[in-house]
């Protein structure tokens, strides 16, 4: 129900979002590492995977 008047003089519907490409870590480059606490190592140990050299 809300609208906003834009720079071009037109009125557009106002959409409110919690996450956008301006704030999402993937797009801003501030993404955190997924491997915290040795998750990869635990996975490898669980399935007995060995790295090939």
PDB file of N, CA and C in Angstrom:
ATOM      1  N   UNK A   1       0.812  -1.199   0.000  1.00  0.00           N
ATOM      2  CA  UNK A   1       0.000   0.000   0.000  1.00  0.00           C
ATOM      3  C   UNK A   1       0.855   1.263   0.000  1.00  0.00           C
ATOM      4  N   UNK A   2       2.136   1.128   0.322  1.00  0.00           N
ATOM      5  CA  UNK A   2       3.007   2.298   0.372  1.00  0.00           C
ATOM      6  C   UNK A   2       3.632   2.560  -0.999  1.00  0.00           C
ATOM      7  N   UNK A   3       3.870   3.832  -1.271  1.00  0.00           N
ATOM      8  CA  UNK A   3       4.522   4.226  -2.516  1.00  0.00           C
ATOM      9  C   UNK A   3       5.657   5.187  -2.208  1.00  0.00           C
ATOM     10  N   UNK A   4       6.517   5.382  -3.201  1.00  0.00           N
ATOM     11  CA  UNK A   4       7.639   6.291  -3.050  1.00  0.00           C
ATOM     12  C   UNK A   4       7.799   7.051  -4.366  1.00  0.00           C
ATOM     13  N   UNK A   5       8.114   8.340  -4.258  1.00  0.00           N
ATOM     14  CA  UNK A   5       8.355   9.131  -5.457  1.00  0.00           C
ATOM     15  C   UNK A   5       9.838   9.063  -5.774  1.00  0.00           C
ATOM     16  N   UNK A   6      10.172   8.615  -6.983  1.00  0.00           N
ATOM     17  CA  UNK A   6      11.551   8.373  -7.384  1.00  0.00           C
ATOM     18  C   UNK A   6      12.155   9.610  -8.022  1.00  0.00           C
ATOM     19  N   UNK A   7      13.467   9.550  -8.284  1.00  0.00           N
ATOM     20  CA  UNK A   7      14.196  10.682  -8.862  1.00  0.00           C
ATOM     21  C   UNK A   7      13.635  11.124 -10.207  1.00  0.00           C
ATOM     22  N   UNK A   8      13.053  10.176 -10.944  1.00  0.00           N
ATOM     23  CA  UNK A   8      12.531  10.505 -12.269  1.00  0.00           C
ATOM     24  C   UNK A   8      11.155  11.165 -12.216  1.00  0.00           C
ATOM     25  N   UNK A   9      10.634  11.369 -11.011  1.00  0.00           N
ATOM     26  CA  UNK A   9       9.354  12.043 -10.847  1.00  0.00           C
ATOM     27  C   UNK A   9       8.162  11.105 -10.808  1.00  0.00           C
ATOM     28  N   UNK A  10       8.369   9.834 -11.099  1.00  0.00           N
ATOM     29  CA  UNK A  10       7.283   8.855 -11.078  1.00  0.00           C
ATOM     30  C   UNK A  10       7.107   8.281  -9.684  1.00  0.00           C
ATOM     31  N   UNK A  11       5.911   7.781  -9.414  1.00  0.00           N
ATOM     32  CA  UNK A  11       5.597   7.154  -8.137  1.00  0.00           C
ATOM     33  C   UNK A  11       5.573   5.649  -8.340  1.00  0.00           C
ATOM     34  N   UNK A  12       6.285   4.927  -7.474  1.00  0.00           N
ATOM     35  CA  UNK A  12       6.385   3.474  -7.582  1.00  0.00           C
ATOM     36  C   UNK A  12       5.970   2.832  -6.265  1.00  0.00           C
ATOM     37  N   UNK A  13       5.502   1.555  -6.323  1.00  0.00           N
ATOM     38  CA  UNK A  13       5.198   0.831  -5.083  1.00  0.00           C
ATOM     39  C   UNK A  13       6.478   0.635  -4.269  1.00  0.00           C
ATOM     40  N   UNK A  14       6.366   0.733  -2.960  1.00  0.00           N
ATOM     41  CA  UNK A  14       7.504   0.563  -2.068  1.00  0.00           C
ATOM     42  C   UNK A  14       7.551  -0.882  -1.589  1.00  0.00           C
ATOM     43  N   UNK A  15       8.677  -1.549  -1.847  1.00  0.00           N
ATOM     44  CA  UNK A  15       8.884  -2.919  -1.386  1.00  0.00           C
ATOM     45  C   UNK A  15       9.957  -2.905  -0.310  1.00  0.00           C
ATOM     46  N   UNK A  16       9.654  -3.491   0.814  1.00  0.00           N
ATOM     47  CA  UNK A  16      10.616  -3.554   1.909  1.00  0.00           C
ATOM     48  C   UNK A  16      11.140  -4.984   2.001  1.00  0.00           C
ATOM     49  N   UNK A  17      12.474  -5.135   1.923  1.00  0.00           N
ATOM     50  CA  UNK A  17      13.108  -6.447   2.006  1.00  0.00           C
ATOM     51  C   UNK A  17      14.154  -6.428   3.106  1.00  0.00           C
ATOM     52  N   UNK A  18      14.372  -7.600   3.712  1.00  0.00           N
ATOM     53  CA  UNK A  18      15.361  -7.692   4.771  1.00  0.00           C
ATOM     54  C   UNK A  18      16.761  -7.867   4.207  1.00  0.00           C
ATOM     55  N   UNK A  19      16.873  -8.599   3.097  1.00  0.00           N
ATOM     56  CA  UNK A  19      18.179  -8.862   2.505  1.00  0.00           C
ATOM     57  C   UNK A  19      18.117  -8.517   1.027  1.00  0.00           C
ATOM     58  N   UNK A  20      19.126  -7.802   0.569  1.00  0.00           N
ATOM     59  CA  UNK A  20      19.211  -7.455  -0.849  1.00  0.00           C
ATOM     60  C   UNK A  20      20.642  -7.675  -1.321  1.00  0.00           C
ATOM     61  N   UNK A  21      20.891  -7.461  -2.594  1.00  0.00           N
ATOM     62  CA  UNK A  21      22.247  -7.631  -3.102  1.00  0.00           C
ATOM     63  C   UNK A  21      23.196  -6.589  -2.516  1.00  0.00           C
ATOM     64  N   UNK A  22      22.662  -5.501  -1.968  1.00  0.00           N
ATOM     65  CA  UNK A  22      23.517  -4.489  -1.336  1.00  0.00           C
ATOM     66  C   UNK A  22      23.982  -4.907   0.054  1.00  0.00           C
ATOM     67  N   UNK A  23      23.235  -5.826   0.703  1.00  0.00           N
ATOM     68  CA  UNK A  23      23.560  -6.190   2.075  1.00  0.00           C
ATOM     69  C   UNK A  23      23.951  -7.649   2.264  1.00  0.00           C
ATOM     70  N   UNK A  24      23.666  -8.525   1.306  1.00  0.00           N
ATOM     71  CA  UNK A  24      23.946  -9.959   1.462  1.00  0.00           C
ATOM     72  C   UNK A  24      25.453 -10.212   1.406  1.00  0.00           C
ATOM     73  N   UNK A  25      25.999 -11.015   2.338  1.00  0.00           N
ATOM     74  CA  UNK A  25      27.439 -11.261   2.395  1.00  0.00           C
ATOM     75  C   UNK A  25      28.032 -11.829   1.101  1.00  0.00           C
ATOM     76  N   UNK A  26      27.258 -12.610   0.345  1.00  0.00           N
ATOM     77  CA  UNK A  26      27.778 -13.172  -0.902  1.00  0.00           C
ATOM     78  C   UNK A  26      28.127 -12.065  -1.890  1.00  0.00           C
ATOM     79  N   UNK A  27      27.294 -11.055  -1.971  1.00  0.00           N
ATOM     80  CA  UNK A  27      27.502  -9.977  -2.928  1.00  0.00           C
ATOM     81  C   UNK A  27      28.467  -8.906  -2.407  1.00  0.00           C
ATOM     82  N   UNK A  28      28.546  -8.736  -1.105  1.00  0.00           N
ATOM     83  CA  UNK A  28      29.405  -7.694  -0.545  1.00  0.00           C
ATOM     84  C   UNK A  28      30.841  -8.163  -0.350  1.00  0.00           C
ATOM     85  N   UNK A  29      31.087  -9.474  -0.479  1.00  0.00           N
ATOM     86  CA  UNK A  29      32.434 -10.003  -0.305  1.00  0.00           C
ATOM     87  C   UNK A  29      32.810 -10.216   1.142  1.00  0.00           C
ATOM     88  N   UNK A  30      31.868 -10.158   2.040  1.00  0.00           N
ATOM     89  CA  UNK A  30      32.138 -10.338   3.466  1.00  0.00           C
ATOM     90  C   UNK A  30      31.630 -11.686   3.959  1.00  0.00           C
ATOM     91  N   UNK A  31      31.667 -12.670   3.054  1.00  0.00           N
ATOM     92  CA  UNK A  31      31.177 -14.000   3.385  1.00  0.00           C
ATOM     93  C   UNK A  31      32.131 -14.679   4.350  1.00  0.00           C
ATOM     94  N   UNK A  32      31.591 -15.363   5.340  1.00  0.00           N
ATOM     95  CA  UNK A  32      32.403 -16.059   6.326  1.00  0.00           C
ATOM     96  C   UNK A  32      32.686 -17.475   5.851  1.00  0.00           C
ATOM     97  N   UNK A  33      33.775 -18.040   6.345  1.00  0.00           N
ATOM     98  CA  UNK A  33      34.112 -19.408   5.980  1.00  0.00           C
ATOM     99  C   UNK A  33      33.117 -20.382   6.582  1.00  0.00           C
ATOM    100  N   UNK A  34      32.763 -21.395   5.827  1.00  0.00           N
ATOM    101  CA  UNK A  34      31.788 -22.382   6.288  1.00  0.00           C
ATOM    102  C   UNK A  34      32.412 -23.438   7.192  1.00  0.00           C
ATOM    103  N   UNK A  35      33.734 -23.616   7.112  1.00  0.00           N
ATOM    104  CA  UNK A  35      34.400 -24.663   7.881  1.00  0.00           C
ATOM    105  C   UNK A  35      34.871 -24.131   9.229  1.00  0.00           C
ATOM    106  N   UNK A  36      33.963 -24.072  10.160  1.00  0.00           N
ATOM    107  CA  UNK A  36      34.326 -23.667  11.520  1.00  0.00           C
ATOM    108  C   UNK A  36      34.208 -24.884  12.422  1.00  0.00           C
ATOM    109  N   UNK A  37      35.197 -25.106  13.219  1.00  0.00           N
ATOM    110  CA  UNK A  37      35.150 -26.213  14.164  1.00  0.00           C
ATOM    111  C   UNK A  37      35.491 -27.550  13.552  1.00  0.00           C
ATOM    112  N   UNK A  38      36.167 -27.560  12.399  1.00  0.00           N
ATOM    113  CA  UNK A  38      36.620 -28.809  11.821  1.00  0.00           C
ATOM    114  C   UNK A  38      35.539 -29.653  11.181  1.00  0.00           C
ATOM    115  N   UNK A  39      34.530 -29.053  10.618  1.00  0.00           N
ATOM    116  CA  UNK A  39      33.443 -29.814  10.003  1.00  0.00           C
ATOM    117  C   UNK A  39      33.932 -30.706   8.871  1.00  0.00           C
ATOM    118  N   UNK A  40      34.827 -30.175   8.053  1.00  0.00           N
ATOM    119  CA  UNK A  40      35.344 -30.964   6.931  1.00  0.00           C
ATOM    120  C   UNK A  40      36.127 -32.163   7.453  1.00  0.00           C
ATOM    121  N   UNK A  41      36.962 -31.924   8.451  1.00  0.00           N
ATOM    122  CA  UNK A  41      37.749 -33.021   9.013  1.00  0.00           C
ATOM    123  C   UNK A  41      36.851 -34.097   9.613  1.00  0.00           C
ATOM    124  N   UNK A  42      35.804 -33.696  10.324  1.00  0.00           N
ATOM    125  CA  UNK A  42      34.873 -34.672  10.905  1.00  0.00           C
ATOM    126  C   UNK A  42      34.172 -35.468   9.810  1.00  0.00           C
ATOM    127  N   UNK A  43      33.803 -34.799   8.715  1.00  0.00           N
ATOM    128  CA  UNK A  43      33.158 -35.481   7.594  1.00  0.00           C
ATOM    129  C   UNK A  43      34.105 -36.515   6.991  1.00  0.00           C
ATOM    130  N   UNK A  44      35.348 -36.107   6.762  1.00  0.00           N
ATOM    131  CA  UNK A  44      36.330 -37.021   6.181  1.00  0.00           C
ATOM    132  C   UNK A  44      36.577 -38.213   7.095  1.00  0.00           C
ATOM    133  N   UNK A  45      36.663 -37.954   8.387  1.00  0.00           N
ATOM    134  CA  UNK A  45      36.898 -39.032   9.341  1.00  0.00           C
ATOM    135  C   UNK A  45      35.692 -39.971   9.384  1.00  0.00           C
ATOM    136  N   UNK A  46      34.495 -39.426   9.361  1.00  0.00           N
ATOM    137  CA  UNK A  46      33.280 -40.230   9.429  1.00  0.00           C
ATOM    138  C   UNK A  46      33.192 -41.179   8.246  1.00  0.00           C
ATOM    139  N   UNK A  47      33.517 -40.688   7.066  1.00  0.00           N
ATOM    140  CA  UNK A  47      33.421 -41.504   5.867  1.00  0.00           C
ATOM    141  C   UNK A  47      34.775 -42.065   5.426  1.00  0.00           C
ATOM    142  N   UNK A  48      35.768 -41.898   6.308  1.00  0.00           N
ATOM    143  CA  UNK A  48      37.114 -42.435   6.112  1.00  0.00           C
ATOM    144  C   UNK A  48      37.685 -42.046   4.753  1.00  0.00           C
ATOM    145  N   UNK A  49      37.588 -40.774   4.450  1.00  0.00           N
ATOM    146  CA  UNK A  49      38.125 -40.244   3.196  1.00  0.00           C
ATOM    147  C   UNK A  49      39.554 -39.781   3.416  1.00  0.00           C
ATOM    148  N   UNK A  50      40.401 -40.056   2.484  1.00  0.00           N
ATOM    149  CA  UNK A  50      41.787 -39.631   2.580  1.00  0.00           C
ATOM    150  C   UNK A  50      42.100 -38.721   1.407  1.00  0.00           C
ATOM    151  N   UNK A  51      42.917 -37.711   1.653  1.00  0.00           N
ATOM    152  CA  UNK A  51      43.316 -36.816   0.589  1.00  0.00           C
ATOM    153  C   UNK A  51      44.364 -37.488  -0.264  1.00  0.00           C
ATOM    154  N   UNK A  52      44.267 -37.286  -1.582  1.00  0.00           N
ATOM    155  CA  UNK A  52      45.260 -37.847  -2.493  1.00  0.00           C
ATOM    156  C   UNK A  52      46.336 -36.797  -2.727  1.00  0.00           C
ATOM    157  N   UNK A  53      47.583 -37.178  -2.573  1.00  0.00           N
ATOM    158  CA  UNK A  53      48.702 -36.239  -2.764  1.00  0.00           C
ATOM    159  C   UNK A  53      49.291 -36.393  -4.132  1.00  0.00           C
TER     160      UNK A  53
END
